[in-house]
Amino acid sequence: MTNYLISFPAGAMSVPAEEMAAVGDAARAVIREAKAAGVYVFGGGINGDVAPLMVASDRTVTPGTYPQTKGFDGGFCVLRLPSRDAAIVWAARIATACRCSQELREFGHDPET
């Protein structure tokens, strides 16, 4: 089994305000299905109200982030699945619920984690 990250940036969603409740309901339904299927690992959305911090190895903390991730926001989930094809199926289900394309990435296997 492999872990897959399925995610989207907040700007990818172009949903009228009056339809957001329905989108949220649909997304939560897919996550409930993933939990019932035993493939759900973790998910959530980045809290845009809390600024990111950089934490160095010497424990120095500074506000901000890497320049290439400055715009990181949106939602994500991690699913443990038997194949990339299965991950594509779940990503498509999430894309349908959220009404936007999803980015699919595979985690590398590390027997220590």
Protein backbone atom coordinates (compact mmCIF):
# COMPACT_ATOMS: atom_id res chain seq x y z
CA MET A 1 0.00 0.00 0.00
CA THR A 2 1.20 3.49 -0.84
CA ASN A 3 0.22 6.88 0.57
CA TYR A 4 -1.02 9.46 -1.91
CA LEU A 5 -1.45 13.19 -1.42
CA ILE A 6 -4.53 14.58 -3.15
CA SER A 7 -4.70 18.37 -2.96
CA PHE A 8 -5.81 21.63 -4.53
CA PRO A 9 -5.02 25.32 -3.99
CA ALA A 10 -7.86 27.46 -2.65
CA GLY A 11 -7.86 29.54 -5.84
CA ALA A 12 -8.74 26.49 -7.92
CA MET A 13 -12.28 26.50 -6.55
CA SER A 14 -14.58 28.77 -8.52
CA VAL A 15 -17.87 28.08 -6.81
CA PRO A 16 -20.64 30.62 -6.20
CA ALA A 17 -21.13 31.39 -2.51
CA GLU A 18 -24.62 29.93 -2.51
CA GLU A 19 -23.22 26.55 -3.68
CA MET A 20 -20.34 26.29 -1.17
CA ALA A 21 -22.46 24.43 1.41
CA ALA A 22 -23.32 21.78 -1.19
CA VAL A 23 -19.65 21.48 -2.18
CA GLY A 24 -18.68 21.05 1.47
CA ASP A 25 -21.33 18.37 1.94
CA ALA A 26 -20.16 16.53 -1.19
CA ALA A 27 -16.51 16.68 -0.14
CA ARG A 28 -17.28 15.42 3.36
CA ALA A 29 -19.33 12.57 1.84
CA VAL A 30 -16.32 11.41 -0.22
CA ILE A 31 -14.10 11.57 2.87
CA ARG A 32 -16.66 9.51 4.81
CA GLU A 33 -16.56 6.95 1.97
CA ALA A 34 -12.74 6.88 2.11
CA LYS A 35 -12.90 6.30 5.88
CA ALA A 36 -15.47 3.53 5.44
CA ALA A 37 -13.23 1.92 2.80
CA GLY A 38 -10.30 2.03 5.23
CA VAL A 39 -8.08 4.13 2.92
CA TYR A 40 -8.25 7.49 4.71
CA VAL A 41 -5.07 8.53 6.54
CA PHE A 42 -5.40 12.27 7.17
CA GLY A 43 -6.84 15.40 5.61
CA GLY A 44 -7.76 18.98 6.13
CA GLY A 45 -7.35 22.50 4.91
CA ILE A 46 -4.59 25.01 5.49
CA ASN A 47 -5.71 27.66 7.99
CA GLY A 48 -5.12 30.90 6.09
CA ASP A 49 -5.70 32.94 9.25
CA VAL A 50 -2.50 31.63 10.85
CA ALA A 51 0.76 32.80 9.28
CA PRO A 52 3.42 30.18 8.50
CA LEU A 53 6.72 30.09 10.37
CA MET A 54 10.18 28.88 9.46
CA VAL A 55 11.82 26.82 12.22
CA ALA A 56 15.57 26.27 11.88
CA SER A 57 17.61 23.41 13.31
CA ASP A 58 18.84 25.74 16.07
CA ARG A 59 15.18 26.42 16.96
CA THR A 60 15.28 29.95 15.57
CA VAL A 61 11.76 30.89 14.50
CA THR A 62 11.11 33.50 11.84
CA PRO A 63 7.87 34.53 10.17
CA GLY A 64 7.31 33.45 6.59
CA THR A 65 8.03 30.45 4.43
CA TYR A 66 10.10 29.29 1.49
CA PRO A 67 9.48 31.63 -1.47
CA GLN A 68 8.20 28.79 -3.67
CA THR A 69 5.53 27.84 -1.12
CA LYS A 70 4.39 31.35 -0.22
CA GLY A 71 0.99 30.71 -1.84
CA PHE A 72 0.43 27.26 -0.32
CA ASP A 73 -3.20 27.05 0.72
CA GLY A 74 -6.26 24.98 0.03
CA GLY A 75 -7.26 21.49 1.02
CA PHE A 76 -5.69 18.07 0.97
CA CYS A 77 -6.03 14.49 2.07
CA VAL A 78 -3.70 11.54 2.32
CA LEU A 79 -5.09 8.17 1.29
CA ARG A 80 -3.38 4.77 1.58
CA LEU A 81 -4.16 2.88 -1.61
CA PRO A 82 -3.03 -0.25 -3.44
CA SER A 83 -2.15 1.46 -6.74
CA ARG A 84 -1.79 4.70 -8.67
CA ASP A 85 -4.91 3.73 -10.63
CA ALA A 86 -6.89 3.53 -7.39
CA ALA A 87 -5.48 6.94 -6.38
CA ILE A 88 -6.65 8.41 -9.69
CA VAL A 89 -10.16 7.09 -9.04
CA TRP A 90 -10.26 8.69 -5.58
CA ALA A 91 -8.74 11.96 -6.88
CA ALA A 92 -11.47 12.10 -9.53
CA ARG A 93 -14.14 11.56 -6.88
CA ILE A 94 -12.70 14.41 -4.82
CA ALA A 95 -12.41 16.61 -7.93
CA THR A 96 -16.10 16.02 -8.65
CA ALA A 97 -17.09 16.86 -5.08
CA CYS A 98 -14.88 19.97 -4.86
CA ARG A 99 -15.62 21.03 -8.45
CA CYS A 100 -11.93 21.54 -9.25
CA SER A 101 -9.00 19.48 -10.46
CA GLN A 102 -6.87 17.75 -7.86
CA GLU A 103 -3.10 17.35 -7.78
CA LEU A 104 -2.02 13.76 -7.13
CA ARG A 105 1.37 12.95 -5.62
CA GLU A 106 2.82 9.70 -4.36
CA PHE A 107 4.78 9.54 -1.12
CA GLY A 108 8.08 7.71 -1.26
CA HIS A 109 8.25 4.53 0.78
CA ASP A 110 10.33 4.66 3.94
CA PRO A 111 10.13 1.59 6.19
CA GLU A 112 10.94 3.79 9.21
CA THR A 113 7.76 5.88 8.85
